[in-house]
């Protein structure tokens, strides 16, 4: 699990979120309002919306109906959601607050033994 997550705010401009994604080399940003996860915006969302979307607020374009994991969610449940839905990232929350992010690449690294202690719900 990535614990230091780059985020954006629902009031940020889509253009600013896109720039942050490019500078941080990430494909999506959780949208956080006062520590609460309220959505997610991805590079794909922005591309599909077209150039006029850059002047919108993140709130206008973000996905709000999210699949999330909690710290104790078994990793197999997370991988099943990712595989079934085609998601590349799953936010991890505690009482609605964002505490981390599971991405396809972080999952592969953890399963390969490169980040042994970073998966939520890992059995020892």
N, C-alpha and C. Protein backbone atom coordinates (compact mmCIF):
# COMPACT_ATOMS: atom_id res chain seq x y z
N UNK A 1 0.84 -1.18 0.00
CA UNK A 1 0.00 0.00 0.00
C UNK A 1 0.89 1.24 0.00
N UNK A 2 0.55 2.15 -0.85
CA UNK A 2 1.24 3.44 -0.88
C UNK A 2 0.62 4.29 0.23
N UNK A 3 1.44 4.72 1.17
CA UNK A 3 0.90 5.48 2.30
C UNK A 3 1.04 6.99 2.11
N UNK A 4 2.00 7.42 1.35
CA UNK A 4 2.14 8.84 1.05
C UNK A 4 1.55 9.07 -0.33
N UNK A 5 0.28 9.46 -0.33
CA UNK A 5 -0.51 9.54 -1.56
C UNK A 5 -0.63 10.99 -2.00
N UNK A 6 -0.39 11.21 -3.28
CA UNK A 6 -0.66 12.53 -3.87
C UNK A 6 -2.17 12.65 -4.02
N UNK A 7 -2.71 13.79 -3.61
CA UNK A 7 -4.16 14.01 -3.65
C UNK A 7 -4.47 15.36 -4.29
N UNK A 8 -5.73 15.56 -4.58
CA UNK A 8 -6.23 16.84 -5.05
C UNK A 8 -7.51 17.16 -4.29
N UNK A 9 -7.99 18.37 -4.46
CA UNK A 9 -9.19 18.84 -3.78
C UNK A 9 -10.33 18.96 -4.80
N UNK A 10 -11.57 18.83 -4.36
CA UNK A 10 -12.69 18.97 -5.29
C UNK A 10 -12.79 20.37 -5.89
N UNK A 11 -12.19 21.35 -5.22
CA UNK A 11 -12.26 22.73 -5.73
C UNK A 11 -11.09 23.10 -6.64
N UNK A 12 -10.10 22.21 -6.76
CA UNK A 12 -8.98 22.46 -7.68
C UNK A 12 -9.47 22.40 -9.11
N UNK A 13 -8.78 23.11 -9.98
CA UNK A 13 -9.08 23.01 -11.40
C UNK A 13 -8.57 21.68 -11.94
N UNK A 14 -9.28 21.14 -12.92
CA UNK A 14 -8.86 19.91 -13.58
C UNK A 14 -7.46 20.08 -14.16
N UNK A 15 -7.18 21.26 -14.70
CA UNK A 15 -5.84 21.53 -15.26
C UNK A 15 -4.76 21.36 -14.21
N UNK A 16 -5.01 21.80 -12.98
CA UNK A 16 -4.03 21.67 -11.90
C UNK A 16 -3.86 20.20 -11.51
N UNK A 17 -4.95 19.45 -11.49
CA UNK A 17 -4.88 18.02 -11.17
C UNK A 17 -4.09 17.28 -12.25
N UNK A 18 -4.33 17.64 -13.50
CA UNK A 18 -3.59 17.01 -14.61
C UNK A 18 -2.10 17.29 -14.49
N UNK A 19 -1.75 18.54 -14.20
CA UNK A 19 -0.35 18.91 -14.04
C UNK A 19 0.29 18.15 -12.88
N UNK A 20 -0.43 18.02 -11.78
CA UNK A 20 0.10 17.28 -10.62
C UNK A 20 0.35 15.82 -10.99
N UNK A 21 -0.59 15.21 -11.73
CA UNK A 21 -0.41 13.82 -12.16
C UNK A 21 0.84 13.68 -13.01
N UNK A 22 1.04 14.62 -13.92
CA UNK A 22 2.21 14.56 -14.80
C UNK A 22 3.49 14.74 -14.01
N UNK A 23 3.52 15.71 -13.11
CA UNK A 23 4.73 15.98 -12.32
C UNK A 23 5.05 14.86 -11.34
N UNK A 24 4.02 14.20 -10.83
CA UNK A 24 4.22 13.13 -9.84
C UNK A 24 4.28 11.75 -10.49
N UNK A 25 4.10 11.71 -11.81
CA UNK A 25 4.14 10.46 -12.56
C UNK A 25 3.14 9.43 -12.03
N UNK A 26 1.89 9.89 -11.86
CA UNK A 26 0.81 9.02 -11.42
C UNK A 26 -0.36 9.15 -12.41
N UNK A 27 -1.19 8.11 -12.47
CA UNK A 27 -2.30 8.09 -13.41
C UNK A 27 -3.62 8.54 -12.83
N UNK A 28 -3.64 8.83 -11.54
CA UNK A 28 -4.88 9.28 -10.91
C UNK A 28 -4.61 9.85 -9.54
N UNK A 29 -5.55 10.64 -9.08
CA UNK A 29 -5.43 11.28 -7.76
C UNK A 29 -6.72 11.08 -6.96
N UNK A 30 -6.61 10.58 -5.75
CA UNK A 30 -7.77 10.61 -4.87
C UNK A 30 -8.15 12.07 -4.60
N UNK A 31 -9.44 12.32 -4.48
CA UNK A 31 -9.93 13.66 -4.20
C UNK A 31 -10.35 13.69 -2.73
N UNK A 32 -9.73 14.59 -1.98
CA UNK A 32 -9.91 14.63 -0.53
C UNK A 32 -10.41 16.01 -0.12
N UNK A 33 -11.43 16.01 0.73
CA UNK A 33 -11.97 17.25 1.28
C UNK A 33 -11.94 17.12 2.80
N UNK A 34 -11.10 17.91 3.44
CA UNK A 34 -10.95 17.86 4.90
C UNK A 34 -10.65 16.43 5.38
N UNK A 35 -9.67 15.79 4.75
CA UNK A 35 -9.17 14.44 5.04
C UNK A 35 -10.11 13.32 4.60
N UNK A 36 -11.33 13.64 4.21
CA UNK A 36 -12.30 12.62 3.79
C UNK A 36 -12.16 12.37 2.29
N UNK A 37 -12.15 11.11 1.91
CA UNK A 37 -12.12 10.73 0.51
C UNK A 37 -13.50 11.00 -0.09
N UNK A 38 -13.53 11.83 -1.15
CA UNK A 38 -14.82 12.16 -1.77
C UNK A 38 -14.89 11.74 -3.23
N UNK A 39 -13.77 11.30 -3.80
CA UNK A 39 -13.78 10.89 -5.20
C UNK A 39 -12.39 10.53 -5.67
N UNK A 40 -12.30 10.31 -6.98
CA UNK A 40 -11.01 10.05 -7.62
C UNK A 40 -11.09 10.60 -9.03
N UNK A 41 -9.99 11.16 -9.49
CA UNK A 41 -9.91 11.65 -10.87
C UNK A 41 -8.68 11.02 -11.51
N UNK A 42 -8.86 10.55 -12.74
CA UNK A 42 -7.76 9.89 -13.43
C UNK A 42 -7.40 10.63 -14.71
N UNK A 43 -6.21 10.33 -15.18
CA UNK A 43 -5.76 10.91 -16.44
C UNK A 43 -6.72 10.51 -17.55
N UNK A 44 -7.21 9.30 -17.51
CA UNK A 44 -8.16 8.83 -18.51
C UNK A 44 -9.45 9.64 -18.48
N UNK A 45 -9.96 9.97 -17.28
CA UNK A 45 -11.16 10.80 -17.15
C UNK A 45 -10.97 12.13 -17.88
N UNK A 46 -9.79 12.71 -17.69
CA UNK A 46 -9.50 14.02 -18.29
C UNK A 46 -9.39 13.91 -19.80
N UNK A 47 -8.71 12.87 -20.28
CA UNK A 47 -8.59 12.67 -21.73
C UNK A 47 -9.95 12.48 -22.38
N UNK A 48 -10.79 11.68 -21.79
CA UNK A 48 -12.11 11.41 -22.36
C UNK A 48 -13.01 12.64 -22.35
N UNK A 49 -12.81 13.52 -21.39
CA UNK A 49 -13.63 14.73 -21.29
C UNK A 49 -13.24 15.79 -22.31
N UNK A 50 -12.01 15.72 -22.82
CA UNK A 50 -11.57 16.69 -23.82
C UNK A 50 -10.97 17.93 -23.21
N UNK A 51 -10.40 18.76 -24.08
CA UNK A 51 -9.67 19.95 -23.66
C UNK A 51 -10.49 20.96 -22.87
N UNK A 52 -11.79 21.06 -23.15
CA UNK A 52 -12.62 22.02 -22.43
C UNK A 52 -12.76 21.68 -20.95
N UNK A 53 -12.45 20.43 -20.58
CA UNK A 53 -12.57 20.00 -19.18
C UNK A 53 -11.51 20.64 -18.29
N UNK A 54 -10.42 21.13 -18.89
CA UNK A 54 -9.33 21.68 -18.09
C UNK A 54 -9.76 22.88 -17.25
N UNK A 55 -10.77 23.60 -17.67
CA UNK A 55 -11.26 24.76 -16.93
C UNK A 55 -12.29 24.42 -15.87
N UNK A 56 -12.69 23.17 -15.80
CA UNK A 56 -13.68 22.74 -14.81
C UNK A 56 -13.02 22.49 -13.45
N UNK A 57 -13.83 22.41 -12.44
CA UNK A 57 -13.36 21.99 -11.12
C UNK A 57 -13.28 20.46 -11.10
N UNK A 58 -12.38 19.94 -10.29
CA UNK A 58 -12.22 18.49 -10.15
C UNK A 58 -13.56 17.85 -9.78
N UNK A 59 -14.34 18.50 -8.93
CA UNK A 59 -15.64 17.99 -8.50
C UNK A 59 -16.57 17.71 -9.68
N UNK A 60 -16.43 18.47 -10.76
CA UNK A 60 -17.29 18.31 -11.93
C UNK A 60 -16.96 17.06 -12.74
N UNK A 61 -15.75 16.53 -12.59
CA UNK A 61 -15.29 15.44 -13.45
C UNK A 61 -14.94 14.16 -12.69
N UNK A 62 -14.73 14.26 -11.40
CA UNK A 62 -14.26 13.10 -10.62
C UNK A 62 -15.32 12.01 -10.53
N UNK A 63 -14.85 10.79 -10.34
CA UNK A 63 -15.73 9.66 -10.05
C UNK A 63 -16.06 9.71 -8.57
N UNK A 64 -17.35 9.57 -8.25
CA UNK A 64 -17.78 9.68 -6.86
C UNK A 64 -18.25 8.35 -6.28
N UNK A 65 -18.64 7.42 -7.13
CA UNK A 65 -19.10 6.11 -6.68
C UNK A 65 -17.90 5.18 -6.66
N UNK A 66 -17.20 5.15 -5.54
CA UNK A 66 -15.92 4.46 -5.45
C UNK A 66 -16.01 3.11 -4.77
N UNK A 67 -15.17 2.20 -5.22
CA UNK A 67 -14.90 0.97 -4.48
C UNK A 67 -13.67 1.27 -3.64
N UNK A 68 -13.77 1.07 -2.34
CA UNK A 68 -12.64 1.34 -1.46
C UNK A 68 -12.34 0.10 -0.62
N UNK A 69 -11.16 0.09 -0.06
CA UNK A 69 -10.76 -0.96 0.86
C UNK A 69 -10.51 -0.32 2.22
N UNK A 70 -10.60 -1.14 3.24
CA UNK A 70 -10.19 -0.72 4.57
C UNK A 70 -8.91 -1.44 4.89
N UNK A 71 -8.23 -1.01 5.93
CA UNK A 71 -6.92 -1.58 6.25
C UNK A 71 -6.98 -3.10 6.44
N UNK A 72 -8.09 -3.61 6.96
CA UNK A 72 -8.20 -5.04 7.21
C UNK A 72 -8.80 -5.82 6.03
N UNK A 73 -9.13 -5.17 4.92
CA UNK A 73 -9.68 -5.86 3.75
C UNK A 73 -8.65 -6.86 3.22
N UNK A 74 -9.04 -8.11 3.08
CA UNK A 74 -8.10 -9.12 2.54
C UNK A 74 -7.62 -8.73 1.14
N UNK A 75 -6.35 -8.96 0.90
CA UNK A 75 -5.75 -8.57 -0.38
C UNK A 75 -6.43 -9.28 -1.55
N UNK A 76 -6.92 -10.49 -1.34
CA UNK A 76 -7.60 -11.20 -2.42
C UNK A 76 -8.91 -10.50 -2.80
N UNK A 77 -9.58 -9.89 -1.84
CA UNK A 77 -10.78 -9.12 -2.14
C UNK A 77 -10.43 -7.90 -2.99
N UNK A 78 -9.33 -7.26 -2.66
CA UNK A 78 -8.89 -6.08 -3.41
C UNK A 78 -8.52 -6.48 -4.84
N UNK A 79 -7.76 -7.55 -4.99
CA UNK A 79 -7.36 -7.98 -6.33
C UNK A 79 -8.57 -8.41 -7.15
N UNK A 80 -9.56 -9.01 -6.51
CA UNK A 80 -10.77 -9.42 -7.21
C UNK A 80 -11.52 -8.20 -7.75
N UNK A 81 -11.65 -7.17 -6.93
CA UNK A 81 -12.30 -5.93 -7.37
C UNK A 81 -11.54 -5.33 -8.55
N UNK A 82 -10.23 -5.28 -8.43
CA UNK A 82 -9.42 -4.70 -9.50
C UNK A 82 -9.58 -5.49 -10.79
N UNK A 83 -9.57 -6.80 -10.69
CA UNK A 83 -9.69 -7.64 -11.88
C UNK A 83 -11.09 -7.57 -12.48
N UNK A 84 -12.12 -7.67 -11.63
CA UNK A 84 -13.50 -7.67 -12.11
C UNK A 84 -13.92 -6.34 -12.72
N UNK A 85 -13.49 -5.25 -12.12
CA UNK A 85 -13.91 -3.91 -12.55
C UNK A 85 -12.91 -3.23 -13.48
N UNK A 86 -11.70 -3.79 -13.58
CA UNK A 86 -10.67 -3.16 -14.41
C UNK A 86 -10.05 -1.93 -13.76
N UNK A 87 -10.16 -1.82 -12.44
CA UNK A 87 -9.60 -0.67 -11.74
C UNK A 87 -8.09 -0.78 -11.63
N UNK A 88 -7.42 0.34 -11.75
CA UNK A 88 -5.97 0.38 -11.61
C UNK A 88 -5.54 0.82 -10.23
N UNK A 89 -6.48 1.36 -9.47
CA UNK A 89 -6.15 1.84 -8.12
C UNK A 89 -7.39 1.73 -7.23
N UNK A 90 -7.14 1.38 -5.96
CA UNK A 90 -8.20 1.28 -4.95
C UNK A 90 -7.75 2.09 -3.73
N UNK A 91 -8.51 3.11 -3.36
CA UNK A 91 -8.18 3.86 -2.15
C UNK A 91 -8.41 3.00 -0.90
N UNK A 92 -7.57 3.22 0.09
CA UNK A 92 -7.71 2.54 1.38
C UNK A 92 -8.11 3.61 2.40
N UNK A 93 -9.21 3.35 3.11
CA UNK A 93 -9.74 4.34 4.03
C UNK A 93 -9.88 3.77 5.44
N UNK A 94 -9.90 4.68 6.38
CA UNK A 94 -10.20 4.36 7.77
C UNK A 94 -11.20 5.40 8.24
N UNK A 95 -12.43 4.96 8.49
CA UNK A 95 -13.51 5.86 8.89
C UNK A 95 -13.70 6.99 7.87
N UNK A 96 -13.58 6.65 6.59
CA UNK A 96 -13.78 7.62 5.51
C UNK A 96 -12.56 8.46 5.17
N UNK A 97 -11.54 8.40 6.03
CA UNK A 97 -10.30 9.16 5.78
C UNK A 97 -9.35 8.33 4.92
N UNK A 98 -8.76 8.95 3.93
CA UNK A 98 -7.80 8.27 3.07
C UNK A 98 -6.54 7.98 3.86
N UNK A 99 -6.13 6.70 3.88
CA UNK A 99 -4.88 6.34 4.57
C UNK A 99 -3.87 5.70 3.63
N UNK A 100 -4.29 5.41 2.40
CA UNK A 100 -3.36 4.81 1.45
C UNK A 100 -4.03 4.51 0.13
N UNK A 101 -3.25 3.93 -0.76
CA UNK A 101 -3.73 3.61 -2.10
C UNK A 101 -3.07 2.32 -2.55
N UNK A 102 -3.88 1.41 -3.06
CA UNK A 102 -3.36 0.19 -3.67
C UNK A 102 -3.42 0.41 -5.18
N UNK A 103 -2.28 0.29 -5.84
CA UNK A 103 -2.25 0.39 -7.29
C UNK A 103 -1.83 -0.95 -7.86
N UNK A 104 -2.05 -1.12 -9.15
CA UNK A 104 -1.62 -2.38 -9.78
C UNK A 104 -0.13 -2.59 -9.56
N UNK A 105 0.66 -1.55 -9.75
CA UNK A 105 2.11 -1.73 -9.61
C UNK A 105 2.51 -1.99 -8.16
N UNK A 106 1.85 -1.35 -7.18
CA UNK A 106 2.20 -1.63 -5.78
C UNK A 106 1.80 -3.04 -5.40
N UNK A 107 0.70 -3.51 -5.96
CA UNK A 107 0.26 -4.87 -5.71
C UNK A 107 1.25 -5.89 -6.28
N UNK A 108 1.70 -5.67 -7.49
CA UNK A 108 2.67 -6.57 -8.12
C UNK A 108 3.97 -6.58 -7.32
N UNK A 109 4.44 -5.39 -6.91
CA UNK A 109 5.67 -5.32 -6.12
C UNK A 109 5.53 -6.08 -4.81
N UNK A 110 4.40 -5.92 -4.15
CA UNK A 110 4.19 -6.60 -2.87
C UNK A 110 4.10 -8.11 -3.06
N UNK A 111 3.39 -8.54 -4.08
CA UNK A 111 3.25 -9.97 -4.33
C UNK A 111 4.58 -10.60 -4.75
N UNK A 112 5.44 -9.80 -5.37
CA UNK A 112 6.76 -10.28 -5.77
C UNK A 112 7.73 -10.29 -4.60
N UNK A 113 7.28 -9.80 -3.43
CA UNK A 113 8.13 -9.79 -2.25
C UNK A 113 9.03 -8.57 -2.15
N UNK A 114 8.78 -7.57 -2.99
CA UNK A 114 9.62 -6.38 -2.97
C UNK A 114 9.17 -5.38 -1.90
N UNK A 115 7.90 -5.44 -1.50
CA UNK A 115 7.34 -4.58 -0.47
C UNK A 115 6.50 -5.44 0.48
N UNK A 116 7.14 -6.34 1.19
CA UNK A 116 6.43 -7.34 1.99
C UNK A 116 5.43 -6.80 2.97
N UNK A 117 5.68 -5.67 3.58
CA UNK A 117 4.80 -5.21 4.67
C UNK A 117 3.86 -4.11 4.25
N UNK A 118 3.61 -3.95 2.97
CA UNK A 118 2.82 -2.82 2.53
C UNK A 118 1.40 -3.16 2.16
N UNK A 119 0.99 -4.40 2.22
CA UNK A 119 -0.36 -4.77 1.83
C UNK A 119 -1.29 -4.80 3.02
N UNK A 120 -2.48 -4.21 2.87
CA UNK A 120 -3.46 -4.35 3.95
C UNK A 120 -4.00 -5.77 3.92
N UNK A 121 -4.45 -6.25 5.04
CA UNK A 121 -5.06 -7.57 5.11
C UNK A 121 -4.10 -8.71 4.82
N UNK A 122 -2.80 -8.45 4.90
CA UNK A 122 -1.81 -9.49 4.61
C UNK A 122 -1.78 -10.49 5.76
N UNK A 123 -1.75 -11.74 5.41
CA UNK A 123 -1.67 -12.79 6.43
C UNK A 123 -0.22 -13.21 6.61
N UNK A 124 0.21 -13.34 7.84
CA UNK A 124 1.60 -13.73 8.12
C UNK A 124 1.68 -15.21 8.38
